């Protein structure tokens, strides 16, 4: 079904899908105190689903594989759009999450950040 596709191009598409699902969650978990589990989950799923849908609607699949006359999505690499959407959904859902677990996650960010940068907890870092 995809024998006419360039392997390097297909690898690029898979990296775009992976980046859309993973990069927003990874970068926000390292640098944004407001990230919640609910926001990370919905943002990652949004990035994954939107990237796959845009790949299917692009020329690479819609025209070459499915033999339709014109692509619905005019760009060959969807990551710019799907990654932006994943960032947006992650941030909006995290900001709207007012649950008790979200408050605990936000409060735990500083200690987690110190631990990830130094390897020791914040209380231990203060005592040294």
C-alpha atoms as a PDB file:
ATOM      1  CA  UNK A   1       0.000   0.000   0.000  1.00  0.00           C
ATOM      2  CA  UNK A   2       2.874   2.407   0.714  1.00  0.00           C
ATOM      3  CA  UNK A   3       5.435   0.882  -1.650  1.00  0.00           C
ATOM      4  CA  UNK A   4       5.598   4.121  -3.688  1.00  0.00           C
ATOM      5  CA  UNK A   5       6.648   6.181  -0.664  1.00  0.00           C
ATOM      6  CA  UNK A   6      10.181   7.286   0.112  1.00  0.00           C
ATOM      7  CA  UNK A   7      11.395   5.598   3.307  1.00  0.00           C
ATOM      8  CA  UNK A   8      13.097   8.776   4.577  1.00  0.00           C
ATOM      9  CA  UNK A   9       9.853  10.691   4.106  1.00  0.00           C
ATOM     10  CA  UNK A  10       7.907   8.038   6.045  1.00  0.00           C
ATOM     11  CA  UNK A  11      10.447   8.184   8.872  1.00  0.00           C
ATOM     12  CA  UNK A  12       9.975  11.963   8.961  1.00  0.00           C
ATOM     13  CA  UNK A  13       6.223  11.501   9.282  1.00  0.00           C
ATOM     14  CA  UNK A  14       6.629   9.093  12.188  1.00  0.00           C
ATOM     15  CA  UNK A  15       8.971  11.500  13.958  1.00  0.00           C
ATOM     16  CA  UNK A  16       6.410  14.264  13.430  1.00  0.00           C
ATOM     17  CA  UNK A  17       3.707  12.120  15.001  1.00  0.00           C
ATOM     18  CA  UNK A  18       5.951  11.204  17.932  1.00  0.00           C
ATOM     19  CA  UNK A  19       6.963  14.829  18.441  1.00  0.00           C
ATOM     20  CA  UNK A  20       3.350  15.976  18.429  1.00  0.00           C
ATOM     21  CA  UNK A  21       2.388  13.473  21.103  1.00  0.00           C
ATOM     22  CA  UNK A  22       5.488  13.687  23.328  1.00  0.00           C
ATOM     23  CA  UNK A  23       7.355  16.978  23.018  1.00  0.00           C
ATOM     24  CA  UNK A  24       4.692  19.338  24.451  1.00  0.00           C
ATOM     25  CA  UNK A  25       4.228  17.126  27.511  1.00  0.00           C
ATOM     26  CA  UNK A  26       7.973  16.697  28.067  1.00  0.00           C
ATOM     27  CA  UNK A  27       8.913  20.363  27.757  1.00  0.00           C
ATOM     28  CA  UNK A  28       5.988  21.591  29.850  1.00  0.00           C
ATOM     29  CA  UNK A  29       6.646  19.026  32.576  1.00  0.00           C
ATOM     30  CA  UNK A  30      10.219  20.274  32.878  1.00  0.00           C
ATOM     31  CA  UNK A  31       9.602  24.029  32.786  1.00  0.00           C
ATOM     32  CA  UNK A  32       5.961  24.883  33.590  1.00  0.00           C
ATOM     33  CA  UNK A  33       4.654  24.702  37.125  1.00  0.00           C
ATOM     34  CA  UNK A  34       1.035  24.691  36.007  1.00  0.00           C
ATOM     35  CA  UNK A  35       1.060  21.337  34.212  1.00  0.00           C
ATOM     36  CA  UNK A  36      -1.390  18.746  35.516  1.00  0.00           C
ATOM     37  CA  UNK A  37      -1.748  15.062  34.746  1.00  0.00           C
ATOM     38  CA  UNK A  38      -5.109  15.677  33.106  1.00  0.00           C
ATOM     39  CA  UNK A  39      -3.605  18.381  30.873  1.00  0.00           C
ATOM     40  CA  UNK A  40      -0.627  16.203  29.956  1.00  0.00           C
ATOM     41  CA  UNK A  41      -2.823  13.228  29.080  1.00  0.00           C
ATOM     42  CA  UNK A  42      -5.312  15.171  26.963  1.00  0.00           C
ATOM     43  CA  UNK A  43      -2.565  17.205  25.289  1.00  0.00           C
ATOM     44  CA  UNK A  44      -0.597  14.088  24.374  1.00  0.00           C
ATOM     45  CA  UNK A  45      -3.666  12.331  23.002  1.00  0.00           C
ATOM     46  CA  UNK A  46      -4.628  15.454  21.048  1.00  0.00           C
ATOM     47  CA  UNK A  47      -1.146  15.667  19.517  1.00  0.00           C
ATOM     48  CA  UNK A  48      -1.182  11.997  18.556  1.00  0.00           C
ATOM     49  CA  UNK A  49      -4.681  11.940  17.066  1.00  0.00           C
ATOM     50  CA  UNK A  50      -4.348  15.243  15.209  1.00  0.00           C
ATOM     51  CA  UNK A  51      -0.960  14.264  13.733  1.00  0.00           C
ATOM     52  CA  UNK A  52      -2.267  10.913  12.492  1.00  0.00           C
ATOM     53  CA  UNK A  53      -5.421  12.474  11.040  1.00  0.00           C
ATOM     54  CA  UNK A  54      -3.414  15.205   9.277  1.00  0.00           C
ATOM     55  CA  UNK A  55      -0.989  12.626   7.841  1.00  0.00           C
ATOM     56  CA  UNK A  56      -3.907  10.640   6.437  1.00  0.00           C
ATOM     57  CA  UNK A  57      -5.441  13.802   4.945  1.00  0.00           C
ATOM     58  CA  UNK A  58      -2.121  14.983   3.440  1.00  0.00           C
ATOM     59  CA  UNK A  59      -0.827  14.293  -0.038  1.00  0.00           C
ATOM     60  CA  UNK A  60       1.380  11.413   1.172  1.00  0.00           C
ATOM     61  CA  UNK A  61      -1.597   9.224   2.064  1.00  0.00           C
ATOM     62  CA  UNK A  62      -4.720  10.898   0.662  1.00  0.00           C
ATOM     63  CA  UNK A  63      -3.393  11.268  -2.886  1.00  0.00           C
ATOM     64  CA  UNK A  64      -0.515   8.792  -3.285  1.00  0.00           C
ATOM     65  CA  UNK A  65      -1.876   5.845  -1.308  1.00  0.00           C
ATOM     66  CA  UNK A  66      -5.645   6.346  -1.468  1.00  0.00           C
ATOM     67  CA  UNK A  67      -5.496   7.823  -5.008  1.00  0.00           C
ATOM     68  CA  UNK A  68      -7.772  10.795  -4.395  1.00  0.00           C
ATOM     69  CA  UNK A  69      -7.371  13.767  -6.757  1.00  0.00           C
ATOM     70  CA  UNK A  70      -6.281  16.365  -4.188  1.00  0.00           C
ATOM     71  CA  UNK A  71      -5.243  16.358  -0.532  1.00  0.00           C
ATOM     72  CA  UNK A  72      -7.601  17.743   2.100  1.00  0.00           C
ATOM     73  CA  UNK A  73      -4.652  18.941   4.235  1.00  0.00           C
ATOM     74  CA  UNK A  74      -2.292  20.873   1.922  1.00  0.00           C
ATOM     75  CA  UNK A  75       0.986  20.350   3.829  1.00  0.00           C
ATOM     76  CA  UNK A  76       3.126  17.216   3.846  1.00  0.00           C
ATOM     77  CA  UNK A  77       4.427  17.525   7.425  1.00  0.00           C
ATOM     78  CA  UNK A  78       1.649  18.004  10.015  1.00  0.00           C
ATOM     79  CA  UNK A  79       3.842  18.420  13.111  1.00  0.00           C
ATOM     80  CA  UNK A  80       3.795  22.229  13.056  1.00  0.00           C
ATOM     81  CA  UNK A  81       0.023  22.224  13.386  1.00  0.00           C
ATOM     82  CA  UNK A  82      -0.541  19.141  15.541  1.00  0.00           C
ATOM     83  CA  UNK A  83       2.236  20.068  17.991  1.00  0.00           C
ATOM     84  CA  UNK A  84       0.833  23.585  18.355  1.00  0.00           C
ATOM     85  CA  UNK A  85      -2.606  22.114  19.023  1.00  0.00           C
ATOM     86  CA  UNK A  86      -1.125  19.722  21.609  1.00  0.00           C
ATOM     87  CA  UNK A  87       0.582  22.609  23.429  1.00  0.00           C
ATOM     88  CA  UNK A  88      -2.651  24.611  23.392  1.00  0.00           C
ATOM     89  CA  UNK A  89      -4.821  21.756  24.699  1.00  0.00           C
ATOM     90  CA  UNK A  90      -2.266  20.865  27.392  1.00  0.00           C
ATOM     91  CA  UNK A  91      -2.106  24.440  28.667  1.00  0.00           C
ATOM     92  CA  UNK A  92      -5.854  25.124  28.512  1.00  0.00           C
ATOM     93  CA  UNK A  93      -6.828  21.850  30.216  1.00  0.00           C
ATOM     94  CA  UNK A  94      -4.164  22.315  32.898  1.00  0.00           C
ATOM     95  CA  UNK A  95      -5.328  25.874  33.612  1.00  0.00           C
ATOM     96  CA  UNK A  96      -8.966  24.765  33.835  1.00  0.00           C
ATOM     97  CA  UNK A  97      -8.165  21.801  36.120  1.00  0.00           C
ATOM     98  CA  UNK A  98      -9.143  22.861  39.642  1.00  0.00           C
ATOM     99  CA  UNK A  99      -9.136  19.401  41.219  1.00  0.00           C
ATOM    100  CA  UNK A 100      -7.366  18.595  44.488  1.00  0.00           C
ATOM    101  CA  UNK A 101      -4.859  16.366  42.704  1.00  0.00           C
ATOM    102  CA  UNK A 102      -4.017  19.196  40.298  1.00  0.00           C
ATOM    103  CA  UNK A 103      -3.287  21.493  43.243  1.00  0.00           C
ATOM    104  CA  UNK A 104      -0.992  18.848  44.759  1.00  0.00           C
ATOM    105  CA  UNK A 105       0.818  18.448  41.421  1.00  0.00           C
ATOM    106  CA  UNK A 106       1.387  22.191  41.129  1.00  0.00           C
ATOM    107  CA  UNK A 107       2.646  22.366  44.718  1.00  0.00           C
ATOM    108  CA  UNK A 108       5.070  19.489  44.134  1.00  0.00           C
ATOM    109  CA  UNK A 109       6.693  21.124  41.086  1.00  0.00           C
ATOM    110  CA  UNK A 110       9.434  23.036  42.910  1.00  0.00           C
ATOM    111  CA  UNK A 111      10.673  19.980  44.804  1.00  0.00           C
ATOM    112  CA  UNK A 112      10.502  17.879  41.646  1.00  0.00           C
ATOM    113  CA  UNK A 113      12.408  20.520  39.702  1.00  0.00           C
ATOM    114  CA  UNK A 114      15.209  20.710  42.294  1.00  0.00           C
ATOM    115  CA  UNK A 115      15.380  16.917  42.442  1.00  0.00           C
ATOM    116  CA  UNK A 116      15.558  16.597  38.659  1.00  0.00           C
ATOM    117  CA  UNK A 117      18.340  19.203  38.415  1.00  0.00           C
ATOM    118  CA  UNK A 118      20.447  18.173  41.418  1.00  0.00           C
ATOM    119  CA  UNK A 119      19.469  14.622  42.299  1.00  0.00           C
ATOM    120  CA  UNK A 120      18.506  15.585  45.858  1.00  0.00           C
ATOM    121  CA  UNK A 121      15.281  16.866  47.379  1.00  0.00           C
ATOM    122  CA  UNK A 122      14.640  20.573  48.024  1.00  0.00           C
ATOM    123  CA  UNK A 123      14.739  20.160  51.823  1.00  0.00           C
ATOM    124  CA  UNK A 124      18.130  18.447  51.582  1.00  0.00           C
ATOM    125  CA  UNK A 125      19.392  21.128  49.184  1.00  0.00           C
ATOM    126  CA  UNK A 126      18.455  23.890  51.659  1.00  0.00           C
ATOM    127  CA  UNK A 127      20.230  22.153  54.533  1.00  0.00           C
ATOM    128  CA  UNK A 128      23.479  21.836  52.552  1.00  0.00           C
END
